[in-house]
Amino acid sequence: MSTEQEQYVCAHCGYTADGKFEGDICPQCGLTYWRCGKCGFLITAAIPPDTCPECGEKCDFLNVTCYTPDCGGPGHVDTRL
């Protein structure tokens, strides 16, 4: 029986943790990668803005930070999202 926990790695600073980051925010740098739901603009921030700086629209931002090795690990955006 395996008791290994999945490793989560911040795509921005490389911080590694056993288990998911609380609120999907890295406890070390406090940043997350967000993609605009309308135009696809990518931003790094603790929380996304209400209005996209690229298209100027009020939109929903999707958390696209890569936390696991199968999407590239540190410095990568999860392209599956």
Protein backbone atom coordinates (compact mmCIF):
# COMPACT_ATOMS: atom_id res chain seq x y z
CA MET A 1 0.00 0.00 0.00
CA SER A 2 1.39 3.39 -1.03
CA THR A 3 1.08 6.38 1.27
CA GLU A 4 2.79 8.84 -1.11
CA GLN A 5 1.15 12.23 -1.38
CA GLU A 6 1.13 14.05 -4.69
CA GLN A 7 3.71 16.85 -4.90
CA TYR A 8 2.44 20.31 -5.88
CA VAL A 9 4.90 22.84 -7.29
CA CYS A 10 4.30 26.56 -7.81
CA ALA A 11 4.72 27.45 -11.48
CA HIS A 12 5.96 30.91 -10.54
CA CYS A 13 8.59 30.39 -7.81
CA GLY A 14 9.11 26.61 -7.72
CA TYR A 15 7.94 26.12 -4.10
CA THR A 16 7.07 22.43 -3.53
CA ALA A 17 4.52 21.06 -1.07
CA ASP A 18 2.92 17.73 -0.21
CA GLY A 19 -0.71 18.30 -1.12
CA LYS A 20 -2.66 21.09 -2.76
CA PHE A 21 -2.02 24.74 -1.89
CA GLU A 22 -4.79 26.25 0.22
CA GLY A 23 -7.01 28.34 -2.05
CA ASP A 24 -4.71 27.48 -5.02
CA ILE A 25 -2.33 30.22 -3.88
CA CYS A 26 1.35 29.47 -3.35
CA PRO A 27 2.23 29.97 0.34
CA GLN A 28 5.71 31.22 -0.57
CA CYS A 29 5.17 33.81 -3.33
CA GLY A 30 1.39 34.24 -3.01
CA LEU A 31 0.90 34.22 -6.79
CA THR A 32 -1.22 32.23 -9.21
CA TYR A 33 -1.40 32.16 -13.03
CA TRP A 34 -4.81 33.36 -14.31
CA ARG A 35 -6.17 33.29 -17.89
CA CYS A 36 -8.92 35.65 -19.10
CA GLY A 37 -12.03 33.70 -20.05
CA LYS A 38 -12.77 36.07 -22.97
CA CYS A 39 -9.46 36.84 -24.69
CA GLY A 40 -7.03 34.32 -23.14
CA PHE A 41 -4.69 36.95 -21.66
CA LEU A 42 -2.38 35.46 -18.99
CA ILE A 43 -1.65 37.32 -15.75
CA THR A 44 0.23 36.42 -12.56
CA ALA A 45 -1.34 37.72 -9.36
CA ALA A 46 -2.54 36.65 -5.92
CA ILE A 47 -6.11 37.30 -7.07
CA PRO A 48 -7.31 38.15 -10.59
CA PRO A 49 -8.57 41.64 -11.45
CA ASP A 50 -12.25 42.34 -12.13
CA THR A 51 -11.45 43.75 -15.57
CA CYS A 52 -8.95 42.20 -17.98
CA PRO A 53 -5.98 44.53 -18.63
CA GLU A 54 -5.75 43.27 -22.24
CA CYS A 55 -9.33 43.28 -23.59
CA GLY A 56 -10.82 45.69 -21.04
CA GLU A 57 -13.79 43.38 -20.45
CA LYS A 58 -15.21 42.27 -17.12
CA CYS A 59 -14.57 38.54 -17.29
CA ASP A 60 -14.05 35.36 -15.33
CA PHE A 61 -10.40 34.39 -14.86
CA LEU A 62 -9.45 30.71 -14.79
CA ASN A 63 -6.65 29.47 -12.53
CA VAL A 64 -4.21 27.81 -14.99
CA THR A 65 -1.23 27.35 -12.66
CA CYS A 66 0.62 24.04 -13.08
CA TYR A 67 0.90 22.27 -9.72
CA THR A 68 1.95 18.76 -10.80
CA PRO A 69 4.79 17.25 -12.85
CA ASP A 70 2.44 15.96 -15.58
CA CYS A 71 1.87 19.54 -16.81
CA GLY A 72 5.51 20.62 -16.58
CA GLY A 73 5.97 21.73 -12.98
CA PRO A 74 7.61 25.04 -12.04
CA GLY A 75 7.48 27.83 -14.59
CA HIS A 76 4.63 26.29 -16.58
CA VAL A 77 1.00 26.99 -17.20
CA ASP A 78 -1.31 23.97 -17.28
CA THR A 79 -2.19 23.83 -21.00
CA ARG A 80 -4.99 21.34 -20.29
CA LEU A 81 -7.04 24.18 -18.80
